[in-house]
C-alpha atoms as a PDB file:
ATOM      1  CA  UNK A   1     -30.399 -76.931 -16.820  1.00  0.00           C
ATOM      2  CA  UNK A   2     -27.130 -79.387 -15.416  1.00  0.00           C
ATOM      3  CA  UNK A   3     -23.368 -77.230 -14.474  1.00  0.00           C
ATOM      4  CA  UNK A   4     -22.171 -78.720 -18.086  1.00  0.00           C
ATOM      5  CA  UNK A   5     -24.965 -77.629 -19.914  1.00  0.00           C
ATOM      6  CA  UNK A   6     -24.401 -74.341 -18.745  1.00  0.00           C
ATOM      7  CA  UNK A   7     -20.896 -74.417 -18.631  1.00  0.00           C
ATOM      8  CA  UNK A   8     -20.597 -75.400 -21.829  1.00  0.00           C
ATOM      9  CA  UNK A   9     -23.472 -72.677 -22.959  1.00  0.00           C
ATOM     10  CA  UNK A  10     -21.601 -70.438 -21.737  1.00  0.00           C
ATOM     11  CA  UNK A  11     -18.615 -71.115 -23.538  1.00  0.00           C
ATOM     12  CA  UNK A  12     -20.781 -70.649 -26.694  1.00  0.00           C
ATOM     13  CA  UNK A  13     -21.499 -67.095 -26.058  1.00  0.00           C
ATOM     14  CA  UNK A  14     -18.057 -66.581 -24.866  1.00  0.00           C
ATOM     15  CA  UNK A  15     -16.363 -67.178 -28.274  1.00  0.00           C
ATOM     16  CA  UNK A  16     -19.415 -65.763 -30.360  1.00  0.00           C
ATOM     17  CA  UNK A  17     -18.931 -62.529 -28.580  1.00  0.00           C
ATOM     18  CA  UNK A  18     -14.854 -62.951 -28.898  1.00  0.00           C
ATOM     19  CA  UNK A  19     -14.848 -63.357 -32.843  1.00  0.00           C
ATOM     20  CA  UNK A  20     -17.255 -61.295 -33.414  1.00  0.00           C
ATOM     21  CA  UNK A  21     -19.699 -60.962 -36.950  1.00  0.00           C
ATOM     22  CA  UNK A  22     -16.677 -61.462 -39.178  1.00  0.00           C
ATOM     23  CA  UNK A  23     -15.676 -59.235 -41.698  1.00  0.00           C
ATOM     24  CA  UNK A  24     -17.262 -56.784 -42.967  1.00  0.00           C
ATOM     25  CA  UNK A  25     -18.869 -56.433 -45.956  1.00  0.00           C
ATOM     26  CA  UNK A  26     -18.186 -56.028 -49.968  1.00  0.00           C
ATOM     27  CA  UNK A  27     -18.779 -52.361 -50.903  1.00  0.00           C
ATOM     28  CA  UNK A  28     -18.573 -51.954 -54.551  1.00  0.00           C
ATOM     29  CA  UNK A  29     -16.291 -48.758 -55.999  1.00  0.00           C
ATOM     30  CA  UNK A  30     -15.357 -46.841 -58.954  1.00  0.00           C
ATOM     31  CA  UNK A  31     -13.985 -44.359 -60.883  1.00  0.00           C
ATOM     32  CA  UNK A  32     -12.405 -41.944 -64.109  1.00  0.00           C
ATOM     33  CA  UNK A  33      -9.486 -41.216 -63.865  1.00  0.00           C
ATOM     34  CA  UNK A  34      -8.439 -37.540 -65.971  1.00  0.00           C
ATOM     35  CA  UNK A  35      -5.323 -35.913 -65.775  1.00  0.00           C
ATOM     36  CA  UNK A  36      -4.892 -32.328 -67.079  1.00  0.00           C
ATOM     37  CA  UNK A  37      -8.970 -33.230 -68.277  1.00  0.00           C
ATOM     38  CA  UNK A  38      -8.000 -36.242 -70.268  1.00  0.00           C
ATOM     39  CA  UNK A  39      -9.229 -40.202 -69.075  1.00  0.00           C
ATOM     40  CA  UNK A  40      -6.042 -42.038 -68.918  1.00  0.00           C
ATOM     41  CA  UNK A  41      -5.479 -45.389 -69.470  1.00  0.00           C
ATOM     42  CA  UNK A  42      -3.268 -48.043 -68.021  1.00  0.00           C
ATOM     43  CA  UNK A  43      -3.457 -46.380 -64.564  1.00  0.00           C
ATOM     44  CA  UNK A  44      -3.072 -48.666 -61.799  1.00  0.00           C
ATOM     45  CA  UNK A  45      -5.677 -47.463 -59.188  1.00  0.00           C
ATOM     46  CA  UNK A  46      -4.413 -48.073 -56.126  1.00  0.00           C
ATOM     47  CA  UNK A  47      -6.794 -47.822 -52.325  1.00  0.00           C
ATOM     48  CA  UNK A  48      -5.253 -48.254 -49.200  1.00  0.00           C
ATOM     49  CA  UNK A  49      -6.754 -47.694 -45.983  1.00  0.00           C
ATOM     50  CA  UNK A  50      -5.783 -44.352 -44.491  1.00  0.00           C
ATOM     51  CA  UNK A  51      -5.445 -46.294 -40.106  1.00  0.00           C
ATOM     52  CA  UNK A  52      -2.998 -46.349 -37.849  1.00  0.00           C
ATOM     53  CA  UNK A  53      -2.892 -49.985 -37.734  1.00  0.00           C
ATOM     54  CA  UNK A  54      -3.756 -51.968 -40.571  1.00  0.00           C
ATOM     55  CA  UNK A  55      -5.811 -54.890 -39.839  1.00  0.00           C
ATOM     56  CA  UNK A  56      -6.590 -56.994 -42.067  1.00  0.00           C
ATOM     57  CA  UNK A  57      -9.772 -58.679 -40.417  1.00  0.00           C
ATOM     58  CA  UNK A  58     -11.268 -55.209 -40.584  1.00  0.00           C
ATOM     59  CA  UNK A  59      -9.167 -53.097 -43.173  1.00  0.00           C
ATOM     60  CA  UNK A  60      -9.350 -53.740 -47.243  1.00  0.00           C
ATOM     61  CA  UNK A  61      -7.583 -52.489 -50.010  1.00  0.00           C
ATOM     62  CA  UNK A  62      -8.091 -53.062 -53.190  1.00  0.00           C
ATOM     63  CA  UNK A  63      -7.112 -52.153 -57.412  1.00  0.00           C
ATOM     64  CA  UNK A  64      -8.206 -51.157 -60.117  1.00  0.00           C
ATOM     65  CA  UNK A  65      -7.357 -50.804 -63.633  1.00  0.00           C
ATOM     66  CA  UNK A  66      -8.099 -47.888 -65.926  1.00  0.00           C
ATOM     67  CA  UNK A  67      -9.708 -48.608 -69.320  1.00  0.00           C
ATOM     68  CA  UNK A  68      -9.351 -46.702 -72.094  1.00  0.00           C
ATOM     69  CA  UNK A  69     -12.219 -44.119 -71.179  1.00  0.00           C
ATOM     70  CA  UNK A  70     -10.303 -43.859 -67.989  1.00  0.00           C
ATOM     71  CA  UNK A  71     -13.264 -45.675 -65.657  1.00  0.00           C
ATOM     72  CA  UNK A  72     -12.067 -48.044 -63.131  1.00  0.00           C
ATOM     73  CA  UNK A  73     -13.627 -50.854 -60.793  1.00  0.00           C
ATOM     74  CA  UNK A  74     -11.687 -51.996 -57.566  1.00  0.00           C
ATOM     75  CA  UNK A  75     -11.030 -55.648 -56.894  1.00  0.00           C
ATOM     76  CA  UNK A  76     -10.168 -56.531 -53.953  1.00  0.00           C
ATOM     77  CA  UNK A  77      -6.843 -58.825 -53.643  1.00  0.00           C
ATOM     78  CA  UNK A  78      -8.945 -62.134 -53.317  1.00  0.00           C
ATOM     79  CA  UNK A  79     -10.329 -61.490 -56.353  1.00  0.00           C
ATOM     80  CA  UNK A  80     -13.541 -60.186 -55.057  1.00  0.00           C
ATOM     81  CA  UNK A  81     -15.441 -57.276 -56.336  1.00  0.00           C
ATOM     82  CA  UNK A  82     -14.678 -53.911 -54.424  1.00  0.00           C
ATOM     83  CA  UNK A  83     -13.531 -53.314 -51.024  1.00  0.00           C
ATOM     84  CA  UNK A  84     -14.751 -52.596 -47.462  1.00  0.00           C
ATOM     85  CA  UNK A  85     -16.357 -49.890 -46.070  1.00  0.00           C
ATOM     86  CA  UNK A  86     -13.751 -47.014 -44.445  1.00  0.00           C
ATOM     87  CA  UNK A  87     -11.466 -44.142 -45.659  1.00  0.00           C
ATOM     88  CA  UNK A  88      -8.698 -45.015 -48.411  1.00  0.00           C
ATOM     89  CA  UNK A  89      -5.253 -43.135 -49.574  1.00  0.00           C
ATOM     90  CA  UNK A  90      -5.605 -43.286 -53.438  1.00  0.00           C
ATOM     91  CA  UNK A  91      -2.179 -44.342 -55.620  1.00  0.00           C
ATOM     92  CA  UNK A  92      -2.549 -43.411 -58.990  1.00  0.00           C
ATOM     93  CA  UNK A  93       0.566 -44.913 -61.060  1.00  0.00           C
ATOM     94  CA  UNK A  94       0.318 -45.136 -65.077  1.00  0.00           C
ATOM     95  CA  UNK A  95       4.050 -45.814 -66.383  1.00  0.00           C
ATOM     96  CA  UNK A  96       5.386 -45.097 -69.802  1.00  0.00           C
ATOM     97  CA  UNK A  97       8.320 -45.668 -71.565  1.00  0.00           C
ATOM     98  CA  UNK A  98      11.106 -42.665 -72.268  1.00  0.00           C
ATOM     99  CA  UNK A  99       9.829 -42.680 -75.575  1.00  0.00           C
ATOM    100  CA  UNK A 100       6.190 -41.974 -74.623  1.00  0.00           C
ATOM    101  CA  UNK A 101       5.018 -45.524 -75.339  1.00  0.00           C
ATOM    102  CA  UNK A 102       2.497 -46.755 -72.538  1.00  0.00           C
ATOM    103  CA  UNK A 103       3.323 -50.154 -70.868  1.00  0.00           C
ATOM    104  CA  UNK A 104       1.087 -52.612 -70.200  1.00  0.00           C
ATOM    105  CA  UNK A 105      -0.458 -53.872 -66.702  1.00  0.00           C
ATOM    106  CA  UNK A 106       2.009 -56.664 -66.484  1.00  0.00           C
ATOM    107  CA  UNK A 107       5.833 -55.445 -66.885  1.00  0.00           C
ATOM    108  CA  UNK A 108       8.066 -54.856 -64.506  1.00  0.00           C
ATOM    109  CA  UNK A 109       9.288 -51.429 -64.957  1.00  0.00           C
ATOM    110  CA  UNK A 110      13.571 -52.023 -62.970  1.00  0.00           C
ATOM    111  CA  UNK A 111      13.158 -54.107 -65.949  1.00  0.00           C
ATOM    112  CA  UNK A 112      11.803 -51.817 -69.481  1.00  0.00           C
ATOM    113  CA  UNK A 113      15.178 -50.940 -71.827  1.00  0.00           C
ATOM    114  CA  UNK A 114      15.695 -46.954 -71.211  1.00  0.00           C
ATOM    115  CA  UNK A 115      13.869 -46.704 -68.012  1.00  0.00           C
ATOM    116  CA  UNK A 116      10.536 -45.864 -67.379  1.00  0.00           C
ATOM    117  CA  UNK A 117       8.168 -42.358 -65.810  1.00  0.00           C
ATOM    118  CA  UNK A 118       4.895 -42.263 -64.116  1.00  0.00           C
ATOM    119  CA  UNK A 119       2.226 -39.779 -65.650  1.00  0.00           C
ATOM    120  CA  UNK A 120       1.875 -38.787 -62.780  1.00  0.00           C
ATOM    121  CA  UNK A 121       4.006 -36.173 -60.340  1.00  0.00           C
ATOM    122  CA  UNK A 122       5.341 -38.791 -58.081  1.00  0.00           C
ATOM    123  CA  UNK A 123       3.559 -37.887 -54.885  1.00  0.00           C
ATOM    124  CA  UNK A 124       0.782 -39.792 -56.289  1.00  0.00           C
ATOM    125  CA  UNK A 125       2.473 -43.131 -56.058  1.00  0.00           C
ATOM    126  CA  UNK A 126       2.906 -44.254 -52.928  1.00  0.00           C
ATOM    127  CA  UNK A 127      -0.024 -43.837 -50.021  1.00  0.00           C
ATOM    128  CA  UNK A 128       2.595 -42.156 -47.841  1.00  0.00           C
ATOM    129  CA  UNK A 129       2.928 -39.026 -50.468  1.00  0.00           C
ATOM    130  CA  UNK A 130      -0.307 -39.345 -51.916  1.00  0.00           C
ATOM    131  CA  UNK A 131      -2.893 -36.096 -51.621  1.00  0.00           C
ATOM    132  CA  UNK A 132      -5.625 -38.062 -53.032  1.00  0.00           C
ATOM    133  CA  UNK A 133      -8.366 -39.285 -49.995  1.00  0.00           C
ATOM    134  CA  UNK A 134     -11.314 -41.291 -51.250  1.00  0.00           C
ATOM    135  CA  UNK A 135     -13.786 -42.614 -48.185  1.00  0.00           C
ATOM    136  CA  UNK A 136     -16.184 -46.181 -48.875  1.00  0.00           C
ATOM    137  CA  UNK A 137     -19.696 -45.730 -47.494  1.00  0.00           C
ATOM    138  CA  UNK A 138     -22.119 -49.315 -47.239  1.00  0.00           C
ATOM    139  CA  UNK A 139     -25.093 -48.618 -49.018  1.00  0.00           C
ATOM    140  CA  UNK A 140     -24.503 -45.632 -51.115  1.00  0.00           C
ATOM    141  CA  UNK A 141     -22.967 -45.191 -55.110  1.00  0.00           C
ATOM    142  CA  UNK A 142     -18.456 -44.849 -53.800  1.00  0.00           C
ATOM    143  CA  UNK A 143     -18.186 -43.593 -57.053  1.00  0.00           C
ATOM    144  CA  UNK A 144     -15.140 -41.092 -57.114  1.00  0.00           C
ATOM    145  CA  UNK A 145     -13.271 -39.022 -60.112  1.00  0.00           C
ATOM    146  CA  UNK A 146     -10.196 -37.819 -59.763  1.00  0.00           C
ATOM    147  CA  UNK A 147      -8.414 -35.398 -61.557  1.00  0.00           C
ATOM    148  CA  UNK A 148      -4.933 -33.779 -62.085  1.00  0.00           C
ATOM    149  CA  UNK A 149      -3.196 -31.548 -63.337  1.00  0.00           C
ATOM    150  CA  UNK A 150       0.157 -31.355 -63.849  1.00  0.00           C
ATOM    151  CA  UNK A 151       1.129 -34.954 -65.370  1.00  0.00           C
ATOM    152  CA  UNK A 152       5.025 -35.938 -66.000  1.00  0.00           C
ATOM    153  CA  UNK A 153       6.462 -35.333 -68.564  1.00  0.00           C
ATOM    154  CA  UNK A 154       9.218 -38.126 -68.509  1.00  0.00           C
ATOM    155  CA  UNK A 155      12.003 -35.486 -67.266  1.00  0.00           C
ATOM    156  CA  UNK A 156      12.958 -37.825 -64.729  1.00  0.00           C
ATOM    157  CA  UNK A 157      13.139 -41.642 -66.531  1.00  0.00           C
ATOM    158  CA  UNK A 158      13.599 -44.252 -63.895  1.00  0.00           C
END
């Protein structure tokens, strides 16, 4: 083998090892959200990676919206079904108006006259404060049930 051919061969191997095997496979995630024992519709469920340093090539995040029966499926922001395996912080947000009407997912809470409130306690809104964690595993059924007691009654509308 000539010197140039060996250099190309070694360079190809080095590039392959440096780049790696690409992104991990997507894993389907679904579940149900219950508040005080009842299914919650129109709840935005967020999965955020529980890592110290976020790497978009190795850590995914995703969102789902509950249906009338409280069930949801998570989608990656790029539109793919599921997210990558790993440990996630889970957020729950179900906006309603001060008079208790459900606010659609496309609405901006800051633009709702009279203010809005999250049906869930405030700690569930942010990845930094949520008490909910889930581990998504490849090759397993990733169905999670989130039961929250003591929802917000709208005392602190925003």
